[in-house]
Amino acid sequence: MEEYNISKGNTFYAIGLSYKKADAEIRGHFSLDESSKLDLLEQAKENNVESLIVTSTCNRTEIYGFAQHPFQLIKLLCDNTKGTVDQFQKVAYVYKNNDAVSHMFRVGSGLDSQILGDFEIISQLKVSAKISKKYSLLNAFLERLVNSVIQASKRIKTETGISSGATSVSFASVQYIFDNVEDISNKNILLFGTGKIGRNTCENLVKHTKNKHITLINRTKNKAEKIAGKFDLIVKDYANLQEEINKSDVLIVATGAQNPTVDKHIIQNHKELLILDLSIPKNVNQNVEDLENVSLVHLDYLSQVTDKTLEKRKAQIPHAEVIIEEIKSEFNSWLETRKFAPTIKALKHKLLDFKAAELDTQRKKISDFNENQAEIISNNIIQKITNHFAHHLKNDNGSTEESLELIKKVFQLESISHV
């Protein structure tokens, strides 16, 4: 990408791991909470990384950025998570330049999601780009790329049926409960954790189960109260967690903790209890399966529970790919203009110097010299000349590099080519 005056001496990479090769436990090792993301950005600045964004969801953790070698980005990830380089190399992927661009388009457009058409990642990309910009870690290339991916995502969502039906883990959770719990409208359901997945699950529970016995618990109680107020649900203190678990028939854990928050020691009753763990890393200790009355289902399994419209959504993939190619082509056209923009700018400055010198000469020669008319005519001619060169370079089927070198040589632009 250095050819395009984007990042001298650096290459654009996408490095990361996802549900495709990394199981929930490994993904948990590489997950980044909000604090860790900021630490990673700080470290990137200290190491003179020019531009990057980082995303971490239950299904993937990725860094998109510029580096001389991808290991620079891999090290940033491993330094700020529990993951190791050895673990990363076994399950990860590294894309560069055009492949990295294509990867971001597929991820942001829901084509690479664990449930096809799940668009939740796009909001993370938006937020991550804003945070990187605050840290002065978002160059023109990466900002334009993210905006292009957002544009593709919007068009795919509105112009195709790829997101029709159930497309999220939160809906799959409710579907699983329906399929495995009898008389669900009369069961006691406890939702522990009210982050994004928790909120979405809560909304789907209320909408589809008609259950009036849903209780919310969150470490920060006022967050739970905001959601409860929307749906007229019960909120309990975090201190009451064990008591509420022992009243429940269904426990949904969607917390953001780095270590398990629920284990077998806090489950004291002997009635049937279904636990859904929607957290990455896992927030329910595997030892709950030692209890005969407890069934534990994790997010990875739920992600395979898709609705009957999946085949219809798959049929929309070619349409989505056409939209991606259209917008990616626009992005590449913009990128191509970056290649010759400094030369065109330098040429314009050179022509303006010619204009200033010539107007000064004519001003001395002509007694009734019309300054305004001369300015207008000169500027119009300069604009036409620079537009003509830009059009030629943009549509040059030969070597753009040779054309650029010729323009620099003819107009003696070498000394100001940095403009």
Protein backbone atom coordinates (compact mmCIF):
# COMPACT_ATOMS: atom_id res chain seq x y z
CA MET A 1 0.00 0.00 0.00
CA GLU A 2 3.04 2.26 0.23
CA GLU A 3 2.66 2.81 -3.53
CA TYR A 4 -0.50 4.76 -2.81
CA ASN A 5 1.10 7.32 -0.50
CA ILE A 6 -0.85 5.81 2.38
CA SER A 7 1.84 4.50 4.71
CA LYS A 8 5.51 4.65 3.77
CA GLY A 9 7.31 1.37 4.25
CA ASN A 10 4.32 -0.36 5.86
CA THR A 11 1.80 -2.95 4.69
CA PHE A 12 -1.90 -3.13 5.56
CA TYR A 13 -2.73 -6.29 7.53
CA ALA A 14 -5.76 -7.94 9.10
CA ILE A 15 -4.74 -10.36 11.84
CA GLY A 16 -7.06 -12.26 14.13
CA LEU A 17 -8.92 -15.42 15.04
CA SER A 18 -12.56 -16.43 14.83
CA TYR A 19 -15.06 -19.18 15.55
CA LYS A 20 -13.96 -20.97 12.35
CA LYS A 21 -10.75 -22.40 13.86
CA ALA A 22 -10.70 -21.20 17.48
CA ASP A 23 -13.10 -22.70 20.01
CA ALA A 24 -14.73 -20.63 22.75
CA GLU A 25 -11.94 -21.32 25.25
CA ILE A 26 -9.19 -20.12 22.91
CA ARG A 27 -11.25 -17.13 21.80
CA GLY A 28 -11.63 -16.31 25.48
CA HIS A 29 -7.85 -16.19 25.85
CA PHE A 30 -7.68 -13.53 23.14
CA SER A 31 -10.77 -11.52 24.07
CA LEU A 32 -10.32 -7.83 24.83
CA ASP A 33 -12.51 -5.89 27.24
CA GLU A 34 -12.81 -2.10 26.88
CA SER A 35 -9.87 -1.42 29.20
CA SER A 36 -7.60 -3.86 27.36
CA LYS A 37 -8.50 -2.29 24.01
CA LEU A 38 -7.40 1.13 25.27
CA ASP A 39 -4.18 -0.35 26.67
CA LEU A 40 -3.51 -1.91 23.27
CA LEU A 41 -4.01 1.46 21.53
CA GLU A 42 -1.68 3.17 24.01
CA GLN A 43 0.98 0.53 23.39
CA ALA A 44 0.51 0.94 19.62
CA LYS A 45 1.19 4.67 19.93
CA GLU A 46 4.28 4.06 22.06
CA ASN A 47 5.56 1.68 19.38
CA ASN A 48 4.95 4.25 16.61
CA VAL A 49 2.20 2.24 14.92
CA GLU A 50 0.61 4.69 12.52
CA SER A 51 -2.95 3.42 12.15
CA LEU A 52 -5.05 0.51 13.42
CA ILE A 53 -8.45 -0.50 14.75
CA VAL A 54 -9.23 -3.41 17.03
CA THR A 55 -12.47 -5.38 17.46
CA SER A 56 -13.35 -8.11 19.93
CA THR A 57 -16.69 -9.93 19.97
CA CYS A 58 -17.85 -13.31 21.19
CA ASN A 59 -17.01 -14.77 17.76
CA ARG A 60 -13.75 -13.05 16.80
CA THR A 61 -10.90 -10.77 17.83
CA GLU A 62 -9.18 -8.83 15.06
CA ILE A 63 -6.70 -6.02 14.46
CA TYR A 64 -6.63 -4.13 11.17
CA GLY A 65 -3.59 -1.93 10.80
CA PHE A 66 -0.32 -0.93 9.18
CA ALA A 67 2.96 -2.56 10.10
CA GLN A 68 6.31 -3.54 8.59
CA HIS A 69 5.56 -7.12 9.67
CA PRO A 70 2.33 -8.71 10.98
CA PHE A 71 4.14 -9.85 14.13
CA GLN A 72 4.00 -6.23 15.35
CA LEU A 73 0.20 -6.49 15.47
CA ILE A 74 0.21 -10.06 16.80
CA LYS A 75 2.48 -8.95 19.66
CA LEU A 76 0.10 -6.09 20.52
CA LEU A 77 -2.73 -8.61 20.77
CA CYS A 78 -0.81 -11.14 22.86
CA ASP A 79 0.63 -8.46 25.18
CA ASN A 80 -2.89 -7.30 26.09
CA THR A 81 -4.68 -10.66 26.39
CA LYS A 82 -4.07 -14.05 28.01
CA GLY A 83 -3.27 -15.53 24.59
CA THR A 84 0.21 -16.61 23.47
CA VAL A 85 1.92 -16.36 20.10
CA ASP A 86 2.00 -20.18 19.86
CA GLN A 87 -1.77 -20.39 20.42
CA PHE A 88 -2.36 -17.62 17.92
CA GLN A 89 -0.33 -19.29 15.19
CA LYS A 90 -2.34 -22.52 15.51
CA VAL A 91 -5.77 -20.96 14.94
CA ALA A 92 -5.24 -17.50 13.47
CA TYR A 93 -5.27 -15.84 10.07
CA VAL A 94 -3.18 -13.05 8.57
CA TYR A 95 -4.33 -11.17 5.46
CA LYS A 96 -2.44 -8.39 3.70
CA ASN A 97 -3.33 -5.50 1.42
CA ASN A 98 -6.20 -6.39 -0.96
CA ASP A 99 -6.98 -9.63 0.89
CA ALA A 100 -7.18 -7.69 4.18
CA VAL A 101 -9.54 -5.17 2.56
CA SER A 102 -11.75 -7.97 1.20
CA HIS A 103 -11.79 -9.64 4.61
CA MET A 104 -13.06 -6.50 6.35
CA PHE A 105 -15.84 -6.16 3.76
CA ARG A 106 -16.99 -9.76 4.35
CA VAL A 107 -16.85 -9.43 8.13
CA GLY A 108 -18.66 -6.07 8.22
CA SER A 109 -21.31 -7.29 5.78
CA GLY A 110 -22.31 -10.34 7.82
CA LEU A 111 -20.96 -12.86 5.28
CA ASP A 112 -18.29 -14.12 7.67
CA SER A 113 -20.53 -14.20 10.77
CA GLN A 114 -21.13 -17.38 12.72
CA ILE A 115 -24.81 -16.99 11.89
CA LEU A 116 -25.02 -15.74 8.31
CA GLY A 117 -26.37 -12.20 8.12
CA ASP A 118 -25.61 -11.23 11.72
CA PHE A 119 -24.72 -7.53 11.43
CA GLU A 120 -23.75 -6.89 15.07
CA ILE A 121 -20.05 -6.62 14.17
CA ILE A 122 -20.59 -3.44 12.11
CA SER A 123 -21.46 -1.39 15.19
CA GLN A 124 -18.18 -2.57 16.77
CA LEU A 125 -16.24 -1.47 13.69
CA LYS A 126 -17.85 1.98 13.91
CA VAL A 127 -17.05 2.37 17.61
CA SER A 128 -13.52 1.01 17.18
CA ALA A 129 -12.81 3.47 14.36
CA LYS A 130 -14.04 6.40 16.50
CA ILE A 131 -11.82 5.36 19.41
CA SER A 132 -8.79 4.93 17.13
CA LYS A 133 -9.43 8.40 15.71
CA LYS A 134 -9.41 9.87 19.24
CA TYR A 135 -6.00 8.26 19.72
CA SER A 136 -4.81 9.65 16.34
CA LEU A 137 -4.52 6.09 15.05
CA LEU A 138 -6.86 6.34 12.07
CA ASN A 139 -5.24 7.39 8.80
CA ALA A 140 -7.13 8.39 5.64
CA PHE A 141 -6.95 4.87 4.18
CA LEU A 142 -8.41 3.10 7.20
CA GLU A 143 -11.09 5.74 7.80
CA ARG A 144 -12.21 5.55 4.17
CA LEU A 145 -12.17 1.74 4.27
CA VAL A 146 -14.34 1.55 7.40
CA ASN A 147 -16.82 4.03 5.89
CA SER A 148 -16.96 1.96 2.69
CA VAL A 149 -17.63 -1.22 4.69
CA ILE A 150 -20.41 0.55 6.62
CA GLN A 151 -21.92 1.65 3.32
CA ALA A 152 -21.79 -1.93 1.97
CA SER A 153 -23.35 -3.27 5.18
CA LYS A 154 -26.25 -0.80 4.96
CA ARG A 155 -26.96 -1.64 1.32
CA ILE A 156 -26.80 -5.40 1.91
CA LYS A 157 -29.15 -5.09 4.87
CA THR A 158 -31.71 -3.07 2.90
CA GLU A 159 -31.31 -4.52 -0.61
CA THR A 160 -31.03 -8.24 0.17
CA GLY A 161 -32.83 -10.71 2.39
CA ILE A 162 -29.62 -11.96 3.98
CA SER A 163 -30.65 -10.75 7.45
CA SER A 164 -34.25 -11.99 7.31
CA GLY A 165 -35.40 -14.27 10.09
CA ALA A 166 -33.34 -15.20 13.13
CA THR A 167 -29.75 -14.09 12.63
CA SER A 168 -28.37 -13.60 16.11
CA VAL A 169 -27.14 -15.73 18.97
CA SER A 170 -29.68 -14.03 21.23
CA PHE A 171 -32.55 -15.26 19.06
CA ALA A 172 -30.97 -18.72 18.77
CA SER A 173 -30.89 -18.81 22.59
CA VAL A 174 -34.61 -18.20 22.84
CA GLN A 175 -35.26 -20.74 20.10
CA TYR A 176 -33.23 -23.31 22.05
CA ILE A 177 -35.23 -22.59 25.22
CA PHE A 178 -38.48 -23.05 23.30
CA ASP A 179 -37.31 -26.38 21.93
CA ASN A 180 -36.06 -27.75 25.26
CA VAL A 181 -38.18 -26.26 28.07
CA GLU A 182 -41.86 -27.11 28.42
CA ASP A 183 -44.42 -24.52 29.51
CA ILE A 184 -41.81 -21.75 29.15
CA SER A 185 -44.26 -18.92 29.84
CA ASN A 186 -44.60 -20.15 33.44
CA LYS A 187 -40.94 -20.86 34.19
CA ASN A 188 -38.61 -18.67 36.25
CA ILE A 189 -35.96 -17.15 33.98
CA LEU A 190 -32.91 -15.33 35.34
CA LEU A 191 -30.77 -13.19 33.05
CA PHE A 192 -27.36 -12.45 34.59
CA GLY A 193 -25.54 -9.71 32.65
CA THR A 194 -27.10 -6.93 30.59
CA GLY A 195 -24.50 -6.14 27.94
CA LYS A 196 -25.42 -6.13 24.26
CA ILE A 197 -26.12 -9.87 23.96
CA GLY A 198 -27.94 -9.79 27.30
CA ARG A 199 -30.15 -6.90 26.18
CA ASN A 200 -30.96 -8.55 22.86
CA THR A 201 -31.72 -11.85 24.56
CA CYS A 202 -33.97 -10.09 27.06
CA GLU A 203 -35.89 -8.41 24.26
CA ASN A 204 -36.36 -11.71 22.42
CA LEU A 205 -37.42 -13.46 25.63
CA VAL A 206 -40.12 -10.88 26.35
CA LYS A 207 -41.28 -10.80 22.74
CA HIS A 208 -41.50 -14.55 22.15
CA THR A 209 -42.13 -16.26 25.52
CA LYS A 210 -44.82 -13.96 27.01
CA ASN A 211 -43.14 -14.80 30.32
CA LYS A 212 -43.86 -12.57 33.34
CA HIS A 213 -41.24 -14.25 35.55
CA ILE A 214 -38.03 -12.84 34.08
CA THR A 215 -35.52 -11.44 36.58
CA LEU A 216 -32.43 -9.38 35.73
CA ILE A 217 -29.19 -9.13 37.70
CA ASN A 218 -26.19 -7.04 36.73
CA ARG A 219 -23.13 -6.02 38.73
CA THR A 220 -24.09 -2.41 37.96
CA LYS A 221 -27.71 -2.43 39.04
CA ASN A 222 -28.82 0.77 37.30
CA LYS A 223 -27.99 -0.77 33.89
CA ALA A 224 -30.35 -3.65 34.63
CA GLU A 225 -33.00 -1.21 35.86
CA LYS A 226 -32.93 0.70 32.55
CA ILE A 227 -33.67 -2.49 30.61
CA ALA A 228 -36.19 -3.74 33.16
CA GLY A 229 -38.07 -0.45 32.91
CA LYS A 230 -38.54 -0.94 29.17
CA PHE A 231 -40.09 -4.39 29.60
CA ASP A 232 -41.61 -4.21 33.10
CA LEU A 233 -39.28 -6.88 34.53
CA ILE A 234 -37.89 -7.60 38.01
CA VAL A 235 -34.39 -6.47 39.05
CA LYS A 236 -32.45 -8.00 41.94
CA ASP A 237 -29.15 -7.02 43.57
CA TYR A 238 -25.95 -8.81 42.61
CA ALA A 239 -25.76 -9.95 46.24
CA ASN A 240 -28.92 -12.01 45.62
CA LEU A 241 -27.41 -13.98 42.71
CA GLN A 242 -27.18 -17.35 44.46
CA GLU A 243 -30.69 -17.08 45.88
CA GLU A 244 -32.14 -16.16 42.47
CA ILE A 245 -30.25 -18.96 40.66
CA ASN A 246 -31.76 -21.46 43.06
CA LYS A 247 -35.27 -20.20 42.22
CA SER A 248 -34.70 -20.42 38.48
CA ASP A 249 -35.60 -22.94 35.82
CA VAL A 250 -33.52 -21.20 33.18
CA LEU A 251 -30.33 -19.21 33.80
CA ILE A 252 -28.86 -17.10 31.00
CA VAL A 253 -25.34 -15.81 31.69
CA ALA A 254 -24.19 -12.93 29.47
CA THR A 255 -21.58 -11.24 31.63
CA GLY A 256 -18.31 -9.74 30.41
CA ALA A 257 -16.05 -11.10 33.14
CA GLN A 258 -12.64 -12.56 32.29
CA ASN A 259 -13.19 -15.53 34.67
CA PRO A 260 -16.21 -17.74 35.47
CA THR A 261 -18.89 -16.05 37.59
CA VAL A 262 -21.06 -19.15 38.11
CA ASP A 263 -19.94 -22.57 39.32
CA LYS A 264 -21.53 -25.66 40.89
CA HIS A 265 -20.99 -24.46 44.47
CA ILE A 266 -23.63 -21.73 44.22
CA ILE A 267 -26.30 -24.12 42.87
CA GLN A 268 -27.97 -25.60 45.91
CA ASN A 269 -31.37 -26.83 44.73
CA HIS A 270 -32.15 -30.10 42.97
CA LYS A 271 -34.75 -29.07 40.40
CA GLU A 272 -33.99 -29.06 36.68
CA LEU A 273 -31.90 -26.04 35.64
CA LEU A 274 -30.94 -25.12 32.08
CA ILE A 275 -27.92 -22.78 31.87
CA LEU A 276 -27.09 -20.91 28.68
CA ASP A 277 -23.62 -19.34 28.71
CA LEU A 278 -23.50 -16.54 26.11
CA SER A 279 -20.18 -15.16 27.34
CA ILE A 280 -16.70 -15.05 25.81
CA PRO A 281 -14.62 -15.99 27.67
CA LYS A 282 -16.86 -18.61 29.27
CA ASN A 283 -18.47 -17.28 32.44
CA VAL A 284 -19.96 -20.58 33.62
CA ASN A 285 -17.54 -23.12 35.08
CA GLN A 286 -17.70 -26.49 33.33
CA ASN A 287 -18.00 -28.11 36.79
CA VAL A 288 -21.76 -27.31 36.86
CA GLU A 289 -22.13 -30.38 34.65
CA ASP A 290 -21.17 -32.47 37.68
CA LEU A 291 -24.69 -31.75 38.96
CA GLU A 292 -27.28 -34.21 37.60
CA ASN A 293 -30.06 -31.61 37.51
CA VAL A 294 -28.08 -29.06 35.47
CA SER A 295 -27.79 -28.81 31.66
CA LEU A 296 -25.17 -26.42 30.29
CA VAL A 297 -25.25 -25.08 26.74
CA HIS A 298 -22.57 -22.75 25.45
CA LEU A 299 -22.68 -20.00 22.84
CA ASP A 300 -20.76 -22.07 20.25
CA TYR A 301 -23.52 -24.67 20.19
CA LEU A 302 -26.26 -22.04 20.10
CA SER A 303 -24.59 -20.43 17.10
CA GLN A 304 -25.35 -23.59 15.14
CA VAL A 305 -29.06 -23.33 15.95
CA THR A 306 -30.33 -21.44 12.95
CA ASP A 307 -33.86 -20.80 11.80
CA LYS A 308 -35.68 -22.20 8.78
CA THR A 309 -34.88 -19.18 6.62
CA LEU A 310 -31.15 -20.01 6.50
CA GLU A 311 -31.35 -21.43 2.97
CA LYS A 312 -33.16 -18.28 1.80
CA ARG A 313 -30.40 -16.16 3.32
CA LYS A 314 -27.73 -18.29 1.63
CA ALA A 315 -29.42 -17.61 -1.70
CA GLN A 316 -28.79 -13.89 -1.11
CA ILE A 317 -25.01 -14.26 -0.86
CA PRO A 318 -24.31 -13.63 -4.59
CA HIS A 319 -26.38 -10.40 -4.45
CA ALA A 320 -24.47 -9.29 -1.35
CA GLU A 321 -21.15 -10.07 -3.05
CA VAL A 322 -22.10 -7.93 -6.07
CA ILE A 323 -22.79 -4.98 -3.71
CA ILE A 324 -19.44 -5.53 -1.98
CA GLU A 325 -17.60 -5.57 -5.31
CA GLU A 326 -19.31 -2.32 -6.38
CA ILE A 327 -18.31 -0.46 -3.24
CA LYS A 328 -14.87 -2.07 -3.11
CA SER A 329 -14.33 -0.88 -6.70
CA GLU A 330 -15.24 2.68 -5.63
CA PHE A 331 -12.79 2.38 -2.73
CA ASN A 332 -10.03 1.13 -5.07
CA SER A 333 -10.70 4.04 -7.44
CA TRP A 334 -10.26 6.44 -4.54
CA LEU A 335 -7.11 4.58 -3.56
CA GLU A 336 -5.77 4.89 -7.09
CA THR A 337 -6.24 8.67 -6.99
CA ARG A 338 -4.12 8.74 -3.82
CA LYS A 339 -1.30 7.40 -5.95
CA PHE A 340 -1.05 10.52 -8.10
CA ALA A 341 -2.70 13.16 -5.90
CA PRO A 342 0.64 14.61 -4.63
CA THR A 343 1.93 14.98 -8.21
CA ILE A 344 -1.27 16.69 -9.40
CA LYS A 345 -1.12 19.00 -6.38
CA ALA A 346 2.53 19.83 -7.11
CA LEU A 347 1.69 20.43 -10.78
CA LYS A 348 -1.08 22.85 -9.79
CA HIS A 349 1.33 24.78 -7.54
CA LYS A 350 3.83 24.94 -10.42
CA LEU A 351 1.18 26.29 -12.83
CA LEU A 352 0.10 28.85 -10.24
CA ASP A 353 3.71 30.02 -10.04
CA PHE A 354 3.75 30.37 -13.85
CA LYS A 355 0.48 32.32 -13.65
CA ALA A 356 1.78 34.70 -10.97
CA ALA A 357 4.96 35.42 -12.94
CA GLU A 358 3.09 35.96 -16.21
CA LEU A 359 0.43 38.22 -14.65
CA ASP A 360 3.18 40.29 -13.09
CA THR A 361 4.83 40.71 -16.52
CA GLN A 362 1.56 41.65 -18.26
CA ARG A 363 0.64 44.05 -15.47
CA LYS A 364 3.79 46.02 -16.22
CA LYS A 365 3.27 45.93 -20.00
CA ILE A 366 -0.45 46.79 -20.23
CA SER A 367 -1.68 50.08 -18.77
CA ASP A 368 -5.36 49.07 -18.47
CA PHE A 369 -4.62 45.49 -17.45
CA ASN A 370 -7.83 43.77 -16.19
CA GLU A 371 -6.67 41.92 -13.07
CA ASN A 372 -10.00 40.15 -12.36
CA GLN A 373 -10.48 38.82 -15.88
CA ALA A 374 -6.89 37.60 -16.06
CA GLU A 375 -7.29 35.79 -12.71
CA ILE A 376 -10.51 34.06 -13.79
CA ILE A 377 -9.17 33.00 -17.21
CA SER A 378 -5.83 31.79 -15.77
CA ASN A 379 -7.45 29.79 -12.96
CA ASN A 380 -9.88 28.16 -15.38
CA ILE A 381 -7.04 27.13 -17.69
CA ILE A 382 -5.01 25.73 -14.75
CA GLN A 383 -8.03 23.74 -13.55
CA LYS A 384 -8.60 22.32 -17.04
CA ILE A 385 -4.94 21.33 -17.37
CA THR A 386 -4.79 19.59 -13.97
CA ASN A 387 -8.14 17.88 -14.59
CA HIS A 388 -6.84 16.67 -17.94
CA PHE A 389 -3.71 15.18 -16.37
CA ALA A 390 -5.74 13.61 -13.53
CA HIS A 391 -8.18 12.08 -16.03
CA HIS A 392 -5.28 10.68 -18.06
CA LEU A 393 -3.63 9.14 -14.99
CA LYS A 394 -6.89 7.67 -13.75
CA ASN A 395 -7.59 5.98 -17.08
CA ASP A 396 -4.01 5.18 -18.02
CA ASN A 397 -3.97 1.58 -19.24
CA GLY A 398 -0.19 1.62 -19.39
CA SER A 399 2.21 2.39 -16.61
CA THR A 400 0.93 5.12 -14.29
CA GLU A 401 4.38 5.23 -12.71
CA GLU A 402 5.97 6.14 -16.05
CA SER A 403 3.37 8.88 -16.65
CA LEU A 404 3.98 10.31 -13.17
CA GLU A 405 7.73 10.34 -13.72
CA LEU A 406 7.29 12.09 -17.10
CA ILE A 407 5.05 14.81 -15.59
CA LYS A 408 7.56 15.38 -12.78
CA LYS A 409 10.41 15.56 -15.27
CA VAL A 410 8.69 17.90 -17.75
CA PHE A 411 7.48 20.32 -15.07
CA GLN A 412 10.55 19.84 -12.83
CA LEU A 413 8.44 18.78 -9.86
CA GLU A 414 11.00 16.58 -8.10
CA SER A 415 11.87 19.23 -5.54
CA ILE A 416 8.23 19.73 -4.51
CA SER A 417 6.82 16.22 -5.05
CA HIS A 418 6.19 15.92 -1.30
CA VAL A 419 3.43 18.57 -1.46
